[in-house]
């Protein structure tokens, strides 16, 4: 209602004086537009969020418990959040967050990756997670800390890095 009150005052000013109010009216109109723009932007965001939630609710399982699969290689960090059966709810990687080249393998990139994936999972109602970590990369611990910092309850941290029992057959000896 406060937005409606200034609008009747603006037409009164141009009716009182013809020369001065046109300069005053544009000054008041831009002031009125920014005050209404955030309201409409907030309304637009609220409207934009509602359809997204509805879309997610159609495909969402409303999962409370899930598993965070962290794959930390020397070149990249990927985080996938699944339900207990292994169906993916949300995922992210350092490339998706916007890192390129050698910056994808940093701990900071892993932190942002984990936050992005956790937000996707929390949009589906996720609260508790098990963390399965795979790989030797530098983003292992940073990703776990980011998941904990964003508000998810971590119940188990499990290392599932594959270890060869005897490994592959090594290549032939190099001849020079």
N, C-alpha and C. Protein backbone atom coordinates (compact mmCIF):
# COMPACT_ATOMS: atom_id res chain seq x y z
N UNK A 1 0.82 -1.19 0.00
CA UNK A 1 0.00 0.00 0.00
C UNK A 1 0.86 1.25 0.00
N UNK A 2 2.06 1.16 0.55
CA UNK A 2 2.96 2.31 0.56
C UNK A 2 3.38 2.65 -0.86
N UNK A 3 3.42 1.67 -1.72
CA UNK A 3 3.78 1.90 -3.11
C UNK A 3 2.67 2.65 -3.85
N UNK A 4 1.42 2.40 -3.44
CA UNK A 4 0.29 3.06 -4.09
C UNK A 4 0.19 4.53 -3.68
N UNK A 5 0.61 4.89 -2.45
CA UNK A 5 0.48 6.26 -1.97
C UNK A 5 1.33 7.23 -2.78
N UNK A 6 2.61 6.94 -3.11
CA UNK A 6 3.39 7.90 -3.89
C UNK A 6 2.86 8.11 -5.31
N UNK A 7 2.21 7.14 -5.87
CA UNK A 7 1.72 7.27 -7.24
C UNK A 7 0.65 8.35 -7.37
N UNK A 8 -0.33 8.47 -6.45
CA UNK A 8 -1.29 9.58 -6.57
C UNK A 8 -0.63 10.94 -6.35
N UNK A 9 0.44 11.04 -5.54
CA UNK A 9 1.10 12.31 -5.30
C UNK A 9 1.83 12.78 -6.56
N UNK A 10 2.37 11.88 -7.34
CA UNK A 10 3.10 12.26 -8.54
C UNK A 10 2.20 12.95 -9.57
N UNK A 11 1.00 12.48 -9.85
CA UNK A 11 0.15 13.21 -10.79
C UNK A 11 -0.28 14.57 -10.27
N UNK A 12 -0.40 14.75 -8.96
CA UNK A 12 -0.80 16.04 -8.41
C UNK A 12 0.26 17.09 -8.68
N UNK A 13 1.54 16.74 -8.59
CA UNK A 13 2.61 17.69 -8.81
C UNK A 13 2.62 18.21 -10.24
N UNK A 14 2.51 17.37 -11.27
CA UNK A 14 2.46 17.91 -12.63
C UNK A 14 1.22 18.77 -12.87
N UNK A 15 0.12 18.53 -12.21
CA UNK A 15 -1.09 19.33 -12.40
C UNK A 15 -0.91 20.71 -11.80
N UNK A 16 -0.14 20.86 -10.73
CA UNK A 16 0.04 22.15 -10.06
C UNK A 16 0.91 23.09 -10.89
N UNK A 17 2.05 22.61 -11.38
CA UNK A 17 2.94 23.46 -12.18
C UNK A 17 3.40 22.65 -13.39
N UNK A 18 3.33 23.27 -14.56
CA UNK A 18 3.62 22.52 -15.79
C UNK A 18 5.11 22.43 -16.06
N UNK A 19 5.92 23.47 -15.78
CA UNK A 19 7.33 23.47 -16.14
C UNK A 19 8.20 22.72 -15.14
N UNK A 20 8.06 22.96 -13.87
CA UNK A 20 8.93 22.38 -12.85
C UNK A 20 8.65 20.89 -12.62
N UNK A 21 7.42 20.45 -12.57
CA UNK A 21 7.18 19.04 -12.26
C UNK A 21 7.73 18.05 -13.27
N UNK A 22 7.82 18.36 -14.59
CA UNK A 22 8.41 17.35 -15.46
C UNK A 22 9.83 17.00 -15.04
N UNK A 23 10.60 17.99 -14.57
CA UNK A 23 11.95 17.68 -14.08
C UNK A 23 11.85 16.92 -12.76
N UNK A 24 10.89 17.28 -11.93
CA UNK A 24 10.73 16.62 -10.65
C UNK A 24 10.13 15.23 -10.83
N UNK A 25 9.23 15.08 -11.79
CA UNK A 25 8.58 13.79 -11.99
C UNK A 25 9.57 12.72 -12.43
N UNK A 26 10.47 13.02 -13.40
CA UNK A 26 11.44 11.99 -13.74
C UNK A 26 12.35 11.66 -12.57
N UNK A 27 12.66 12.64 -11.72
CA UNK A 27 13.51 12.36 -10.57
C UNK A 27 12.78 11.45 -9.58
N UNK A 28 11.47 11.66 -9.42
CA UNK A 28 10.73 10.81 -8.49
C UNK A 28 10.41 9.47 -9.13
N UNK A 29 10.21 9.45 -10.44
CA UNK A 29 9.90 8.18 -11.09
C UNK A 29 11.06 7.20 -11.01
N UNK A 30 12.32 7.61 -11.32
CA UNK A 30 13.41 6.65 -11.16
C UNK A 30 13.56 6.21 -9.71
N UNK A 31 13.28 7.12 -8.76
CA UNK A 31 13.36 6.73 -7.36
C UNK A 31 12.28 5.70 -7.06
N UNK A 32 11.12 5.86 -7.68
CA UNK A 32 10.04 4.91 -7.45
C UNK A 32 10.33 3.59 -8.14
N UNK A 33 10.96 3.66 -9.34
CA UNK A 33 11.25 2.43 -10.06
C UNK A 33 12.23 1.52 -9.33
N UNK A 34 13.37 2.05 -8.80
CA UNK A 34 14.26 1.16 -8.06
C UNK A 34 13.59 0.59 -6.81
N UNK A 35 12.71 1.37 -6.16
CA UNK A 35 12.05 0.83 -4.98
C UNK A 35 11.07 -0.28 -5.37
N UNK A 36 10.46 -0.15 -6.55
CA UNK A 36 9.56 -1.22 -6.99
C UNK A 36 10.33 -2.35 -7.65
N UNK A 37 11.48 -2.04 -8.26
CA UNK A 37 12.24 -3.08 -8.95
C UNK A 37 12.71 -4.18 -8.00
N UNK A 38 13.29 -3.83 -6.82
CA UNK A 38 13.66 -4.93 -5.93
C UNK A 38 12.46 -5.74 -5.48
N UNK A 39 11.32 -5.06 -5.29
CA UNK A 39 10.14 -5.81 -4.89
C UNK A 39 9.71 -6.76 -6.00
N UNK A 40 9.74 -6.27 -7.24
CA UNK A 40 9.36 -7.15 -8.33
C UNK A 40 10.44 -8.21 -8.57
N UNK A 41 11.72 -7.83 -8.34
CA UNK A 41 12.79 -8.83 -8.49
C UNK A 41 12.64 -9.91 -7.43
N UNK A 42 12.35 -9.48 -6.19
CA UNK A 42 12.12 -10.47 -5.14
C UNK A 42 10.91 -11.32 -5.47
N UNK A 43 9.88 -10.66 -5.99
CA UNK A 43 8.69 -11.42 -6.37
C UNK A 43 9.00 -12.37 -7.51
N UNK A 44 9.82 -11.87 -8.45
CA UNK A 44 10.20 -12.73 -9.59
C UNK A 44 11.05 -13.90 -9.11
N UNK A 45 11.97 -13.63 -8.17
CA UNK A 45 12.76 -14.72 -7.63
C UNK A 45 11.88 -15.71 -6.88
N UNK A 46 10.94 -15.16 -6.10
CA UNK A 46 10.05 -16.04 -5.36
C UNK A 46 9.20 -16.87 -6.33
N UNK A 47 8.75 -16.22 -7.40
CA UNK A 47 7.98 -16.96 -8.40
C UNK A 47 8.87 -17.95 -9.13
N UNK A 48 10.11 -17.55 -9.38
CA UNK A 48 11.04 -18.43 -10.07
C UNK A 48 11.42 -19.64 -9.21
N UNK A 49 11.52 -19.44 -7.89
CA UNK A 49 11.87 -20.55 -7.00
C UNK A 49 10.71 -21.53 -6.87
N UNK A 50 9.50 -21.01 -6.85
CA UNK A 50 8.36 -21.89 -6.65
C UNK A 50 8.22 -22.92 -7.77
N UNK A 51 8.32 -22.55 -9.06
CA UNK A 51 8.23 -23.57 -10.09
C UNK A 51 9.39 -24.56 -10.02
N UNK A 52 10.59 -24.08 -9.65
CA UNK A 52 11.71 -25.00 -9.54
C UNK A 52 11.44 -26.03 -8.46
N UNK A 53 10.90 -25.58 -7.32
CA UNK A 53 10.59 -26.52 -6.25
C UNK A 53 9.52 -27.51 -6.70
N UNK A 54 8.55 -27.03 -7.44
CA UNK A 54 7.50 -27.92 -7.92
C UNK A 54 8.09 -28.94 -8.89
N UNK A 55 8.97 -28.48 -9.77
CA UNK A 55 9.60 -29.39 -10.72
C UNK A 55 10.43 -30.42 -9.98
N UNK A 56 11.19 -29.96 -8.99
CA UNK A 56 12.02 -30.88 -8.23
C UNK A 56 11.15 -31.83 -7.42
N UNK A 57 10.04 -31.34 -6.92
CA UNK A 57 9.17 -32.19 -6.12
C UNK A 57 8.59 -33.33 -6.95
N UNK A 58 8.37 -33.07 -8.25
CA UNK A 58 7.84 -34.14 -9.10
C UNK A 58 8.84 -35.28 -9.22
N UNK A 59 10.12 -34.92 -9.36
CA UNK A 59 11.14 -35.95 -9.53
C UNK A 59 11.85 -36.28 -8.23
N UNK A 60 11.54 -35.55 -7.18
CA UNK A 60 12.23 -35.74 -5.91
C UNK A 60 11.66 -36.92 -5.17
N UNK A 61 12.54 -37.57 -4.42
CA UNK A 61 12.10 -38.68 -3.59
C UNK A 61 11.90 -38.22 -2.16
N UNK A 62 12.15 -36.92 -1.89
CA UNK A 62 12.13 -36.37 -0.54
C UNK A 62 13.01 -37.21 0.37
N UNK A 63 14.28 -37.29 -0.01
CA UNK A 63 15.24 -38.12 0.67
C UNK A 63 15.78 -37.40 1.89
N UNK A 64 15.84 -38.07 3.02
CA UNK A 64 16.41 -37.50 4.23
C UNK A 64 17.84 -37.98 4.41
N UNK A 65 18.08 -39.25 4.10
CA UNK A 65 19.42 -39.82 4.21
C UNK A 65 19.97 -40.11 2.82
N UNK A 66 21.26 -39.88 2.66
CA UNK A 66 21.88 -40.14 1.36
C UNK A 66 23.35 -40.46 1.50
N UNK A 67 24.01 -40.58 0.36
CA UNK A 67 25.43 -40.90 0.30
C UNK A 67 26.09 -39.85 -0.56
N UNK A 68 27.20 -39.29 -0.08
CA UNK A 68 28.00 -38.35 -0.87
C UNK A 68 29.23 -39.10 -1.37
N UNK A 69 29.31 -39.27 -2.67
CA UNK A 69 30.45 -39.93 -3.29
C UNK A 69 31.43 -38.85 -3.73
N UNK A 70 32.59 -38.81 -3.10
CA UNK A 70 33.61 -37.82 -3.45
C UNK A 70 34.72 -38.54 -4.20
N UNK A 71 34.95 -38.12 -5.43
CA UNK A 71 36.04 -38.67 -6.24
C UNK A 71 37.07 -37.56 -6.40
N UNK A 72 38.21 -37.75 -5.75
CA UNK A 72 39.26 -36.73 -5.77
C UNK A 72 40.47 -37.30 -6.51
N UNK A 73 40.65 -36.88 -7.75
CA UNK A 73 41.80 -37.31 -8.52
C UNK A 73 42.87 -36.23 -8.46
N UNK A 74 43.97 -36.46 -9.12
CA UNK A 74 45.02 -35.45 -9.14
C UNK A 74 44.64 -34.26 -10.00
N UNK A 75 43.69 -34.42 -10.90
CA UNK A 75 43.32 -33.36 -11.82
C UNK A 75 41.96 -32.75 -11.59
N UNK A 76 41.10 -33.38 -10.80
CA UNK A 76 39.73 -32.90 -10.67
C UNK A 76 39.12 -33.43 -9.38
N UNK A 77 38.00 -32.86 -8.98
CA UNK A 77 37.22 -33.34 -7.85
C UNK A 77 35.76 -33.38 -8.26
N UNK A 78 35.12 -34.52 -8.08
CA UNK A 78 33.71 -34.68 -8.41
C UNK A 78 32.96 -35.13 -7.16
N UNK A 79 31.79 -34.58 -6.92
CA UNK A 79 30.95 -34.98 -5.80
C UNK A 79 29.58 -35.33 -6.35
N UNK A 80 29.12 -36.55 -6.06
CA UNK A 80 27.77 -36.98 -6.43
C UNK A 80 27.02 -37.31 -5.17
N UNK A 81 25.81 -36.83 -5.06
CA UNK A 81 24.98 -37.14 -3.89
C UNK A 81 23.85 -38.03 -4.36
N UNK A 82 23.74 -39.18 -3.71
CA UNK A 82 22.73 -40.16 -4.09
C UNK A 82 21.86 -40.50 -2.89
N UNK A 83 20.75 -41.18 -3.17
CA UNK A 83 19.96 -41.72 -2.06
C UNK A 83 20.61 -43.03 -1.62
N UNK A 84 19.97 -43.75 -0.72
CA UNK A 84 20.56 -44.97 -0.18
C UNK A 84 20.68 -46.08 -1.22
N UNK A 85 19.86 -46.02 -2.25
CA UNK A 85 19.92 -47.05 -3.30
C UNK A 85 20.90 -46.70 -4.40
N UNK A 86 21.45 -45.50 -4.40
CA UNK A 86 22.44 -45.12 -5.39
C UNK A 86 21.90 -44.28 -6.53
N UNK A 87 20.66 -43.82 -6.45
CA UNK A 87 20.09 -42.95 -7.49
C UNK A 87 20.56 -41.52 -7.24
N UNK A 88 21.09 -40.89 -8.27
CA UNK A 88 21.73 -39.58 -8.12
C UNK A 88 20.68 -38.50 -7.89
N UNK A 89 20.92 -37.69 -6.86
CA UNK A 89 20.06 -36.55 -6.54
C UNK A 89 20.69 -35.27 -7.08
N UNK A 90 22.00 -35.13 -6.87
CA UNK A 90 22.70 -33.95 -7.34
C UNK A 90 24.18 -34.25 -7.50
N UNK A 91 24.82 -33.52 -8.39
CA UNK A 91 26.24 -33.75 -8.61
C UNK A 91 26.90 -32.44 -9.00
N UNK A 92 28.21 -32.39 -8.85
CA UNK A 92 28.97 -31.24 -9.26
C UNK A 92 30.42 -31.64 -9.45
N UNK A 93 31.13 -30.85 -10.23
CA UNK A 93 32.56 -31.08 -10.42
C UNK A 93 33.25 -29.73 -10.51
N UNK A 94 34.56 -29.74 -10.45
CA UNK A 94 35.31 -28.49 -10.46
C UNK A 94 35.12 -27.76 -11.78
N UNK A 95 34.98 -28.49 -12.87
CA UNK A 95 34.74 -27.85 -14.15
C UNK A 95 33.37 -27.22 -14.22
N UNK A 96 32.41 -27.83 -13.61
CA UNK A 96 31.05 -27.28 -13.62
C UNK A 96 30.97 -26.00 -12.79
N UNK A 97 31.73 -25.95 -11.71
CA UNK A 97 31.73 -24.77 -10.86
C UNK A 97 32.43 -23.60 -11.54
N UNK A 98 33.32 -23.89 -12.49
CA UNK A 98 33.93 -22.81 -13.25
C UNK A 98 35.44 -22.80 -13.24
N UNK A 99 36.07 -23.83 -12.69
CA UNK A 99 37.53 -23.89 -12.67
C UNK A 99 38.04 -24.57 -13.93
N UNK A 100 39.22 -24.14 -14.36
CA UNK A 100 39.84 -24.74 -15.54
C UNK A 100 41.29 -25.07 -15.22
N UNK A 101 41.80 -26.06 -15.92
CA UNK A 101 43.22 -26.39 -15.83
C UNK A 101 43.63 -26.89 -14.46
N UNK A 102 44.79 -26.42 -14.01
CA UNK A 102 45.36 -26.93 -12.76
C UNK A 102 44.58 -26.47 -11.54
N UNK A 103 43.73 -25.45 -11.67
CA UNK A 103 42.96 -24.98 -10.51
C UNK A 103 41.84 -25.95 -10.14
N UNK A 104 41.48 -26.86 -11.05
CA UNK A 104 40.45 -27.85 -10.72
C UNK A 104 40.90 -28.80 -9.62
N UNK A 105 42.21 -28.98 -9.46
CA UNK A 105 42.71 -29.96 -8.50
C UNK A 105 42.97 -29.36 -7.13
N UNK A 106 42.58 -28.11 -6.89
CA UNK A 106 42.87 -27.48 -5.61
C UNK A 106 41.81 -27.83 -4.56
N UNK A 107 42.18 -27.60 -3.31
CA UNK A 107 41.26 -27.85 -2.21
C UNK A 107 40.10 -26.86 -2.22
N UNK A 108 40.36 -25.63 -2.64
CA UNK A 108 39.30 -24.63 -2.70
C UNK A 108 38.24 -25.01 -3.72
N UNK A 109 38.68 -25.53 -4.85
CA UNK A 109 37.73 -25.98 -5.86
C UNK A 109 36.89 -27.12 -5.31
N UNK A 110 37.50 -28.03 -4.57
CA UNK A 110 36.76 -29.14 -3.98
C UNK A 110 35.73 -28.64 -2.98
N UNK A 111 36.06 -27.59 -2.26
CA UNK A 111 35.12 -27.01 -1.30
C UNK A 111 33.90 -26.46 -2.01
N UNK A 112 34.11 -25.72 -3.08
CA UNK A 112 32.97 -25.16 -3.83
C UNK A 112 32.15 -26.25 -4.50
N UNK A 113 32.81 -27.30 -4.96
CA UNK A 113 32.11 -28.43 -5.58
C UNK A 113 31.19 -29.09 -4.57
N UNK A 114 31.71 -29.33 -3.37
CA UNK A 114 30.91 -29.98 -2.33
C UNK A 114 29.72 -29.11 -1.92
N UNK A 115 29.93 -27.81 -1.83
CA UNK A 115 28.82 -26.92 -1.48
C UNK A 115 27.74 -26.92 -2.55
N UNK A 116 28.15 -26.92 -3.81
CA UNK A 116 27.18 -26.93 -4.91
C UNK A 116 26.37 -28.22 -4.90
N UNK A 117 27.04 -29.34 -4.74
CA UNK A 117 26.32 -30.62 -4.73
C UNK A 117 25.42 -30.73 -3.50
N UNK A 118 25.89 -30.23 -2.36
CA UNK A 118 25.09 -30.30 -1.13
C UNK A 118 23.83 -29.46 -1.25
N UNK A 119 23.92 -28.31 -1.89
CA UNK A 119 22.72 -27.49 -2.07
C UNK A 119 21.69 -28.19 -2.94
N UNK A 120 22.17 -28.89 -3.95
CA UNK A 120 21.25 -29.65 -4.79
C UNK A 120 20.58 -30.75 -3.98
N UNK A 121 21.34 -31.43 -3.14
CA UNK A 121 20.76 -32.48 -2.32
C UNK A 121 19.81 -31.94 -1.28
N UNK A 122 20.16 -30.80 -0.68
CA UNK A 122 19.30 -30.22 0.35
C UNK A 122 17.99 -29.71 -0.25
N UNK A 123 17.99 -29.37 -1.52
CA UNK A 123 16.75 -28.97 -2.18
C UNK A 123 15.77 -30.13 -2.26
N UNK A 124 16.28 -31.34 -2.19
CA UNK A 124 15.44 -32.53 -2.19
C UNK A 124 15.13 -33.02 -0.78
N UNK A 125 15.54 -32.29 0.23
CA UNK A 125 15.23 -32.64 1.61
C UNK A 125 16.32 -33.42 2.32
N UNK A 126 17.52 -33.44 1.79
CA UNK A 126 18.60 -34.23 2.38
C UNK A 126 19.09 -33.58 3.67
N UNK A 127 19.32 -34.41 4.71
CA UNK A 127 19.82 -33.90 5.98
C UNK A 127 21.00 -34.71 6.51
N UNK A 128 20.98 -36.02 6.32
CA UNK A 128 22.05 -36.88 6.81
C UNK A 128 22.73 -37.55 5.63
N UNK A 129 24.05 -37.64 5.69
CA UNK A 129 24.77 -38.30 4.61
C UNK A 129 25.89 -39.18 5.15
N UNK A 130 26.16 -40.21 4.38
CA UNK A 130 27.39 -40.97 4.53
C UNK A 130 28.34 -40.43 3.48
N UNK A 131 29.60 -40.38 3.79
CA UNK A 131 30.58 -39.86 2.84
C UNK A 131 31.49 -41.00 2.41
N UNK A 132 31.52 -41.27 1.12
CA UNK A 132 32.42 -42.27 0.55
C UNK A 132 33.45 -41.52 -0.28
N UNK A 133 34.70 -41.67 0.10
CA UNK A 133 35.79 -40.93 -0.54
C UNK A 133 36.60 -41.89 -1.39
N UNK A 134 36.88 -41.47 -2.62
CA UNK A 134 37.67 -42.29 -3.53
C UNK A 134 38.74 -41.43 -4.17
N UNK A 135 39.96 -41.91 -4.18
CA UNK A 135 41.03 -41.23 -4.90
C UNK A 135 42.03 -40.53 -4.00
N UNK A 136 43.19 -40.19 -4.58
CA UNK A 136 44.29 -39.61 -3.80
C UNK A 136 44.38 -38.09 -3.86
N UNK A 137 43.40 -37.40 -4.39
CA UNK A 137 43.52 -35.96 -4.66
C UNK A 137 43.54 -35.10 -3.42
N UNK A 138 43.86 -33.83 -3.62
CA UNK A 138 43.98 -32.89 -2.50
C UNK A 138 42.62 -32.40 -2.01
N UNK A 139 41.55 -32.71 -2.71
CA UNK A 139 40.24 -32.20 -2.34
C UNK A 139 39.44 -33.09 -1.42
N UNK A 140 40.03 -34.18 -0.97
CA UNK A 140 39.29 -35.13 -0.13
C UNK A 140 38.77 -34.48 1.15
N UNK A 141 39.66 -33.96 1.95
CA UNK A 141 39.28 -33.42 3.26
C UNK A 141 38.51 -32.11 3.12
N UNK A 142 38.89 -31.29 2.14
CA UNK A 142 38.19 -30.02 1.95
C UNK A 142 36.73 -30.24 1.59
N UNK A 143 36.46 -31.24 0.79
CA UNK A 143 35.07 -31.53 0.42
C UNK A 143 34.27 -32.02 1.62
N UNK A 144 34.88 -32.85 2.45
CA UNK A 144 34.17 -33.35 3.64
C UNK A 144 33.86 -32.20 4.59
N UNK A 145 34.82 -31.32 4.79
CA UNK A 145 34.60 -30.17 5.68
C UNK A 145 33.53 -29.24 5.14
N UNK A 146 33.48 -29.08 3.83
CA UNK A 146 32.46 -28.22 3.22
C UNK A 146 31.07 -28.82 3.40
N UNK A 147 30.96 -30.13 3.27
CA UNK A 147 29.66 -30.78 3.48
C UNK A 147 29.19 -30.60 4.92
N UNK A 148 30.13 -30.69 5.84
CA UNK A 148 29.77 -30.53 7.24
C UNK A 148 29.42 -29.07 7.55
N UNK A 149 30.15 -28.14 6.95
CA UNK A 149 29.93 -26.71 7.22
C UNK A 149 28.61 -26.22 6.67
N UNK A 150 28.13 -26.81 5.60
CA UNK A 150 26.88 -26.34 4.99
C UNK A 150 25.65 -26.79 5.78
N UNK A 151 25.84 -27.73 6.72
CA UNK A 151 24.74 -28.10 7.60
C UNK A 151 24.27 -29.53 7.48
N UNK A 152 24.96 -30.36 6.74
CA UNK A 152 24.57 -31.77 6.64
C UNK A 152 25.20 -32.56 7.78
N UNK A 153 24.45 -33.50 8.32
CA UNK A 153 24.97 -34.36 9.38
C UNK A 153 25.69 -35.54 8.74
N UNK A 154 26.97 -35.68 9.04
CA UNK A 154 27.77 -36.77 8.48
C UNK A 154 27.77 -37.91 9.48
N UNK A 155 27.28 -39.06 9.04
CA UNK A 155 27.21 -40.22 9.92
C UNK A 155 28.43 -41.13 9.77
N UNK A 156 28.89 -41.34 8.55
CA UNK A 156 30.00 -42.25 8.28
C UNK A 156 30.92 -41.61 7.24
N UNK A 157 32.21 -41.75 7.46
CA UNK A 157 33.20 -41.40 6.43
C UNK A 157 33.94 -42.68 6.08
N UNK A 158 33.85 -43.05 4.80
CA UNK A 158 34.37 -44.34 4.36
C UNK A 158 35.29 -44.13 3.17
N UNK A 159 36.47 -44.76 3.21
CA UNK A 159 37.40 -44.67 2.09
C UNK A 159 37.17 -45.87 1.18
N UNK A 160 36.76 -45.61 -0.04
CA UNK A 160 36.47 -46.69 -0.99
C UNK A 160 37.43 -46.66 -2.17
N UNK A 161 38.64 -46.16 -1.93
CA UNK A 161 39.64 -46.12 -2.99
C UNK A 161 39.99 -47.54 -3.39
N UNK A 162 39.92 -47.87 -4.68
CA UNK A 162 40.25 -49.23 -5.10
C UNK A 162 41.75 -49.49 -4.96
N UNK A 163 42.08 -50.62 -4.35
CA UNK A 163 43.48 -50.98 -4.16
C UNK A 163 43.73 -52.27 -4.93
N UNK A 164 44.69 -52.26 -5.87
CA UNK A 164 44.96 -53.49 -6.61
C UNK A 164 45.65 -54.51 -5.71
N UNK A 165 45.20 -55.77 -5.80
CA UNK A 165 45.82 -56.83 -4.99
C UNK A 165 47.16 -57.23 -5.59
N UNK A 166 47.21 -57.35 -6.89
CA UNK A 166 48.48 -57.63 -7.54
C UNK A 166 48.72 -56.65 -8.68
N UNK A 167 47.68 -56.02 -9.14
CA UNK A 167 47.82 -55.01 -10.16
C UNK A 167 47.87 -55.58 -11.56
N UNK A 168 47.96 -54.70 -12.50
CA UNK A 168 48.06 -55.09 -13.90
C UNK A 168 49.49 -55.54 -14.20
N UNK A 169 49.63 -56.22 -15.30
CA UNK A 169 50.96 -56.63 -15.71
C UNK A 169 51.74 -55.39 -16.16
N UNK A 170 52.94 -55.18 -15.66
CA UNK A 170 53.69 -53.99 -16.03
C UNK A 170 54.14 -54.04 -17.48
N UNK A 171 54.38 -52.90 -18.08
CA UNK A 171 54.82 -52.90 -19.49
C UNK A 171 56.21 -53.48 -19.63
N UNK A 172 56.53 -53.84 -20.88
CA UNK A 172 57.86 -54.39 -21.16
C UNK A 172 58.93 -53.36 -20.82
N UNK A 173 60.10 -53.85 -20.53
CA UNK A 173 61.21 -52.96 -20.21
C UNK A 173 61.58 -52.12 -21.42
N UNK A 174 61.87 -50.85 -21.19
CA UNK A 174 62.18 -49.91 -22.26
C UNK A 174 63.59 -50.18 -22.79
N UNK A 175 63.71 -50.24 -24.13
CA UNK A 175 65.01 -50.42 -24.76
C UNK A 175 65.44 -49.12 -25.39
N UNK A 176 66.67 -48.69 -25.10
CA UNK A 176 67.15 -47.44 -25.65
C UNK A 176 68.26 -47.69 -26.64
